[in-house]
Amino acid sequence: MWWGLLCAVAAAVAYGIASVFQAVAARAVDEGASGVDPRLLVRVLRQWRFVLGVGLDLLGFVAQLVALRVLPLFVVQAALAASLAVTAVAALTLGVRLRGREWGAVAVVCAGLALLGVSAESEGSRPAATGFHVGLLVVVAVLAGVGWIAGRAPERVRTPALGLISGLCFGVVALAGRVLDASSVPAVLTDPAAYALAAAGVVAMLFYTSALQRGSVTMATALMVVGETVVPSLIGVLVLGDATRPGFAVFAVTGFVLAVAAALALARFGEIDSPQQTAARS
């Protein structure tokens, strides 16, 4: 059980550090066309820091998949939200200053994860029907369509909508990784969840990067965190049979709320400000 939590934390660390490299690279890329522009990913992939960040994301994803096999979704997703705490601390290397309340939020994230670790039972044993696997692929297609429309909306709607949709897509990645039949290579290749996982990952990255390009980093990241934690966690409990240790439900709920709320308090670190921007805000 604890090694699964260590994998979840390792994934959060990898994702958090990757965000620093990707944010630095994103600042060097022009905005391009209006709306959601798929060529944005091509432009950022020309930056070596972004490529390094993607490499760390892949390592984090492997650790996330391992964690999803032994832990409930609500534990793993709350741990991934905590990657913002890692990003905030890593941002110190760029000259970004953390205020007292932000250090407090980092501490609360750690406390929330500790409570989740104490309360976690193994992942639910309720099997997911084939329709659930196919449904994930349909959900990705729907979210892609809605996100494309949201990308054409006014900025006050565009940024929060793209942030939330990207979070929901990241949630699909977690759900697909949880139910994916990894018993053999043919099983993976014939499982709709595998294609839902890959498509959701690409769509999520495109929409989140698009949201950060022109809108409020804090708003986009906050809604992304809500989308990737709350919805898949509820599905894990209601559909996949995730549960806590007997008598530890209060600890789990408290830990989840603390970890996610503290992550929201660190939402501005979804993209690292330059030292000049941070100084201007202080």
Protein backbone atom coordinates (compact mmCIF):
# COMPACT_ATOMS: atom_id res chain seq x y z
CA MET A 1 0.00 0.00 0.00
CA TRP A 2 2.69 2.49 1.00
CA TRP A 3 4.75 1.78 -2.08
CA GLY A 4 1.72 2.74 -4.14
CA LEU A 5 1.55 6.06 -2.29
CA LEU A 6 5.26 6.55 -2.90
CA CYS A 7 4.62 6.05 -6.62
CA ALA A 8 1.82 8.64 -6.50
CA VAL A 9 4.11 11.12 -4.74
CA ALA A 10 6.91 10.34 -7.22
CA ALA A 11 4.48 11.11 -10.05
CA ALA A 12 3.58 14.42 -8.40
CA VAL A 13 7.27 15.31 -8.06
CA ALA A 14 7.95 14.48 -11.72
CA TYR A 15 4.90 16.44 -12.91
CA GLY A 16 5.74 19.38 -10.65
CA ILE A 17 9.33 19.73 -11.86
CA ALA A 18 8.21 19.21 -15.46
CA SER A 19 5.87 22.18 -15.09
CA VAL A 20 8.82 24.44 -14.33
CA PHE A 21 10.67 23.46 -17.51
CA GLN A 22 7.51 23.67 -19.61
CA ALA A 23 6.58 27.09 -18.23
CA VAL A 24 10.00 28.50 -19.08
CA ALA A 25 9.72 27.08 -22.60
CA ALA A 26 6.15 28.35 -23.07
CA ARG A 27 7.26 31.93 -22.39
CA ALA A 28 9.56 31.72 -25.42
CA VAL A 29 6.74 30.74 -27.81
CA ASP A 30 4.49 33.20 -29.64
CA GLU A 31 0.74 32.92 -29.17
CA GLY A 32 -0.04 32.12 -32.80
CA ALA A 33 -3.59 32.00 -34.16
CA SER A 34 -6.69 32.78 -32.13
CA GLY A 35 -8.73 29.96 -30.62
CA VAL A 36 -7.30 26.50 -29.94
CA ASP A 37 -4.38 26.02 -32.34
CA PRO A 38 -3.01 22.43 -32.53
CA ARG A 39 0.22 23.87 -33.95
CA LEU A 40 0.92 25.29 -30.49
CA LEU A 41 2.18 21.88 -29.35
CA VAL A 42 4.50 21.73 -32.36
CA ARG A 43 5.96 25.14 -31.47
CA VAL A 44 6.57 24.34 -27.82
CA LEU A 45 8.12 20.97 -28.70
CA ARG A 46 10.92 22.89 -30.45
CA GLN A 47 12.05 24.09 -27.01
CA TRP A 48 14.46 21.67 -25.33
CA ARG A 49 13.14 22.55 -21.89
CA PHE A 50 9.63 21.59 -22.94
CA VAL A 51 10.92 18.27 -24.32
CA LEU A 52 12.72 17.63 -21.03
CA GLY A 53 9.48 18.42 -19.23
CA VAL A 54 7.60 15.95 -21.42
CA GLY A 55 10.20 13.31 -20.54
CA LEU A 56 9.57 13.92 -16.85
CA ASP A 57 5.82 13.78 -17.54
CA LEU A 58 6.28 10.34 -19.06
CA LEU A 59 8.19 9.13 -16.01
CA GLY A 60 5.47 10.57 -13.81
CA PHE A 61 2.81 8.89 -15.90
CA VAL A 62 4.43 5.47 -15.43
CA ALA A 63 4.51 6.05 -11.67
CA GLN A 64 0.88 7.20 -11.80
CA LEU A 65 -0.19 4.03 -13.61
CA VAL A 66 1.53 1.88 -10.98
CA ALA A 67 -0.18 3.86 -8.20
CA LEU A 68 -3.59 3.52 -9.89
CA ARG A 69 -3.23 -0.27 -9.76
CA VAL A 70 -2.99 -0.36 -5.96
CA LEU A 71 -4.62 2.82 -4.63
CA PRO A 72 -8.10 4.39 -4.91
CA LEU A 73 -8.44 7.13 -7.50
CA PHE A 74 -9.17 9.76 -4.84
CA VAL A 75 -5.73 9.18 -3.29
CA VAL A 76 -3.80 9.22 -6.56
CA GLN A 77 -5.60 12.26 -7.99
CA ALA A 78 -5.17 14.26 -4.79
CA ALA A 79 -1.46 13.40 -4.87
CA LEU A 80 -1.23 14.62 -8.46
CA ALA A 81 -2.89 17.91 -7.50
CA ALA A 82 -0.08 18.23 -4.97
CA SER A 83 2.34 18.55 -7.91
CA LEU A 84 1.57 22.28 -7.69
CA ALA A 85 3.28 22.30 -4.31
CA VAL A 86 6.35 20.73 -5.94
CA THR A 87 6.19 23.31 -8.74
CA ALA A 88 5.98 26.12 -6.20
CA VAL A 89 9.07 24.92 -4.34
CA ALA A 90 10.95 24.22 -7.58
CA ALA A 91 10.12 27.75 -8.72
CA LEU A 92 12.56 29.06 -6.12
CA THR A 93 15.35 28.15 -8.55
CA LEU A 94 13.90 30.74 -10.97
CA GLY A 95 13.91 33.48 -8.38
CA VAL A 96 10.18 33.24 -7.64
CA ARG A 97 9.39 34.14 -4.03
CA LEU A 98 6.90 32.16 -1.96
CA ARG A 99 4.83 34.14 0.52
CA GLY A 100 4.08 32.84 3.99
CA ARG A 101 0.61 31.61 3.07
CA GLU A 102 2.07 29.69 0.13
CA TRP A 103 4.56 27.91 2.37
CA GLY A 104 1.57 27.16 4.60
CA ALA A 105 -0.31 25.71 1.62
CA VAL A 106 2.65 23.44 0.84
CA ALA A 107 2.57 22.18 4.43
CA VAL A 108 -1.21 21.60 4.25
CA VAL A 109 -0.80 19.60 1.03
CA CYS A 110 1.68 17.33 2.82
CA ALA A 111 -0.68 16.96 5.79
CA GLY A 112 -3.60 16.11 3.49
CA LEU A 113 -1.58 13.45 1.69
CA ALA A 114 -0.52 11.96 5.02
CA LEU A 115 -4.17 11.61 6.06
CA LEU A 116 -5.01 10.01 2.72
CA GLY A 117 -2.13 7.60 3.11
CA VAL A 118 -3.34 6.52 6.54
CA SER A 119 -6.94 6.07 5.37
CA ALA A 120 -6.39 4.43 1.97
CA GLU A 121 -7.65 0.95 1.24
CA SER A 122 -6.60 -0.93 -1.88
CA GLU A 123 -8.20 0.06 -5.17
CA GLY A 124 -11.76 -1.05 -5.81
CA SER A 125 -12.27 -4.57 -7.14
CA ARG A 126 -15.50 -3.81 -9.03
CA PRO A 127 -14.79 -4.63 -12.71
CA ALA A 128 -15.50 -2.04 -15.39
CA ALA A 129 -17.73 -3.26 -18.21
CA THR A 130 -16.67 -2.98 -21.84
CA GLY A 131 -19.17 -0.17 -22.22
CA PHE A 132 -17.24 1.85 -19.65
CA HIS A 133 -14.04 1.50 -21.73
CA VAL A 134 -15.86 2.56 -24.91
CA GLY A 135 -17.60 5.35 -23.02
CA LEU A 136 -14.24 6.88 -22.09
CA LEU A 137 -13.39 7.19 -25.78
CA VAL A 138 -16.76 8.85 -26.46
CA VAL A 139 -16.21 11.25 -23.56
CA VAL A 140 -12.85 12.32 -25.00
CA ALA A 141 -14.48 13.06 -28.36
CA VAL A 142 -17.22 15.12 -26.68
CA LEU A 143 -14.73 17.04 -24.54
CA ALA A 144 -12.57 17.74 -27.61
CA GLY A 145 -15.59 19.20 -29.42
CA VAL A 146 -16.69 21.30 -26.46
CA GLY A 147 -13.13 22.52 -25.91
CA TRP A 148 -12.78 23.53 -29.55
CA ILE A 149 -15.94 25.62 -29.23
CA ALA A 150 -14.76 27.09 -25.91
CA GLY A 151 -11.53 28.16 -27.58
CA ARG A 152 -13.57 30.56 -29.75
CA ALA A 153 -15.42 32.09 -26.79
CA PRO A 154 -14.59 35.45 -25.14
CA GLU A 155 -11.63 35.26 -22.76
CA ARG A 156 -13.76 35.48 -19.60
CA VAL A 157 -15.42 32.22 -20.68
CA ARG A 158 -12.57 30.74 -22.69
CA THR A 159 -9.94 30.46 -19.95
CA PRO A 160 -12.02 28.82 -17.20
CA ALA A 161 -13.76 26.55 -19.73
CA LEU A 162 -10.50 25.31 -21.24
CA GLY A 163 -9.00 24.87 -17.77
CA LEU A 164 -11.93 22.75 -16.62
CA ILE A 165 -12.09 20.71 -19.84
CA SER A 166 -8.36 20.01 -19.72
CA GLY A 167 -8.79 18.82 -16.13
CA LEU A 168 -11.65 16.52 -17.14
CA CYS A 169 -9.44 15.12 -19.90
CA PHE A 170 -6.67 14.48 -17.38
CA GLY A 171 -9.34 12.75 -15.31
CA VAL A 172 -10.12 10.49 -18.28
CA VAL A 173 -6.41 9.64 -18.45
CA ALA A 174 -6.55 8.48 -14.83
CA LEU A 175 -9.76 6.49 -15.33
CA ALA A 176 -8.44 4.85 -18.49
CA GLY A 177 -5.16 4.00 -16.79
CA ARG A 178 -7.08 2.44 -13.93
CA VAL A 179 -9.31 0.15 -16.05
CA LEU A 180 -6.83 -0.56 -18.88
CA ASP A 181 -6.31 -4.26 -19.52
CA ALA A 182 -2.51 -4.53 -19.37
CA SER A 183 -2.36 -8.32 -19.22
CA SER A 184 -0.70 -8.53 -22.65
CA VAL A 185 0.25 -6.40 -25.64
CA PRO A 186 -2.73 -7.61 -27.73
CA ALA A 187 -5.04 -6.84 -24.80
CA VAL A 188 -3.75 -3.28 -24.64
CA LEU A 189 -4.02 -2.78 -28.40
CA THR A 190 -7.64 -3.98 -28.46
CA ASP A 191 -8.77 -2.05 -25.38
CA PRO A 192 -10.65 1.21 -26.18
CA ALA A 193 -9.34 2.58 -22.87
CA ALA A 194 -5.80 2.62 -24.30
CA TYR A 195 -6.86 4.93 -27.12
CA ALA A 196 -8.96 7.04 -24.76
CA LEU A 197 -5.90 7.44 -22.54
CA ALA A 198 -3.64 8.58 -25.40
CA ALA A 199 -6.22 10.91 -26.95
CA ALA A 200 -7.22 12.44 -23.62
CA GLY A 201 -3.58 13.15 -22.77
CA VAL A 202 -2.95 15.03 -26.01
CA VAL A 203 -6.24 16.96 -25.84
CA ALA A 204 -5.69 17.86 -22.19
CA MET A 205 -2.20 19.22 -22.88
CA LEU A 206 -3.41 21.24 -25.88
CA PHE A 207 -6.35 22.82 -24.04
CA TYR A 208 -4.40 23.57 -20.88
CA THR A 209 -1.53 25.16 -22.80
CA SER A 210 -4.05 27.17 -24.82
CA ALA A 211 -5.73 28.38 -21.63
CA LEU A 212 -2.40 29.54 -20.21
CA GLN A 213 -1.39 31.35 -23.40
CA ARG A 214 -3.94 34.15 -23.15
CA GLY A 215 -5.84 33.86 -19.88
CA SER A 216 -5.45 33.84 -16.12
CA VAL A 217 -2.99 31.17 -15.01
CA THR A 218 -4.60 30.95 -11.58
CA MET A 219 -8.13 30.46 -12.90
CA ALA A 220 -7.13 27.94 -15.57
CA THR A 221 -5.03 25.88 -13.18
CA ALA A 222 -7.59 25.95 -10.37
CA LEU A 223 -10.33 24.63 -12.62
CA MET A 224 -7.95 22.07 -14.13
CA VAL A 225 -7.22 20.76 -10.62
CA VAL A 226 -10.95 20.53 -9.83
CA GLY A 227 -11.65 18.67 -13.07
CA GLU A 228 -8.86 16.14 -12.68
CA THR A 229 -9.48 15.36 -9.00
CA VAL A 230 -13.15 15.62 -8.05
CA VAL A 231 -14.87 13.93 -11.01
CA PRO A 232 -12.60 10.85 -11.38
CA SER A 233 -12.49 10.42 -7.61
CA LEU A 234 -16.30 10.31 -7.44
CA ILE A 235 -16.41 7.84 -10.32
CA GLY A 236 -13.85 5.71 -8.54
CA VAL A 237 -16.04 5.54 -5.43
CA LEU A 238 -19.45 5.23 -7.12
CA VAL A 239 -18.57 3.04 -10.11
CA LEU A 240 -15.25 1.28 -9.52
CA GLY A 241 -15.71 0.42 -5.85
CA ASP A 242 -12.93 2.51 -4.28
CA ALA A 243 -13.16 2.70 -0.50
CA THR A 244 -11.27 3.69 2.63
CA ARG A 245 -10.10 1.50 5.49
CA PRO A 246 -12.98 0.71 7.87
CA GLY A 247 -13.55 3.68 10.18
CA PHE A 248 -11.21 6.01 8.27
CA ALA A 249 -13.71 7.70 5.93
CA VAL A 250 -13.49 11.00 7.83
CA PHE A 251 -9.69 10.96 7.55
CA ALA A 252 -9.94 10.34 3.80
CA VAL A 253 -12.46 13.13 3.20
CA THR A 254 -10.47 15.55 5.35
CA GLY A 255 -7.20 14.65 3.65
CA PHE A 256 -8.70 14.99 0.17
CA VAL A 257 -10.26 18.38 0.92
CA LEU A 258 -7.05 19.68 2.52
CA ALA A 259 -4.81 18.49 -0.33
CA VAL A 260 -7.04 19.83 -3.11
CA ALA A 261 -7.85 23.11 -1.34
CA ALA A 262 -4.17 23.77 -0.66
CA ALA A 263 -3.34 22.93 -4.27
CA LEU A 264 -5.93 25.48 -5.39
CA ALA A 265 -4.19 28.05 -3.19
CA LEU A 266 -1.04 27.35 -5.19
CA ALA A 267 -2.80 27.50 -8.56
CA ARG A 268 -0.77 30.45 -9.82
CA PHE A 269 2.18 28.09 -10.08
CA GLY A 270 0.42 26.27 -12.93
CA GLU A 271 2.73 28.48 -14.97
CA ILE A 272 5.77 30.04 -13.34
CA ASP A 273 5.95 33.80 -13.34
CA SER A 274 9.19 35.45 -14.21
CA PRO A 275 11.01 37.05 -11.26
CA GLN A 276 10.04 40.48 -12.62
CA GLN A 277 6.36 39.55 -12.70
CA THR A 278 6.54 38.16 -9.20
CA ALA A 279 8.26 41.29 -7.93
CA ALA A 280 5.60 43.45 -9.56
CA ARG A 281 2.83 41.43 -7.89
CA SER A 282 4.45 41.58 -4.43
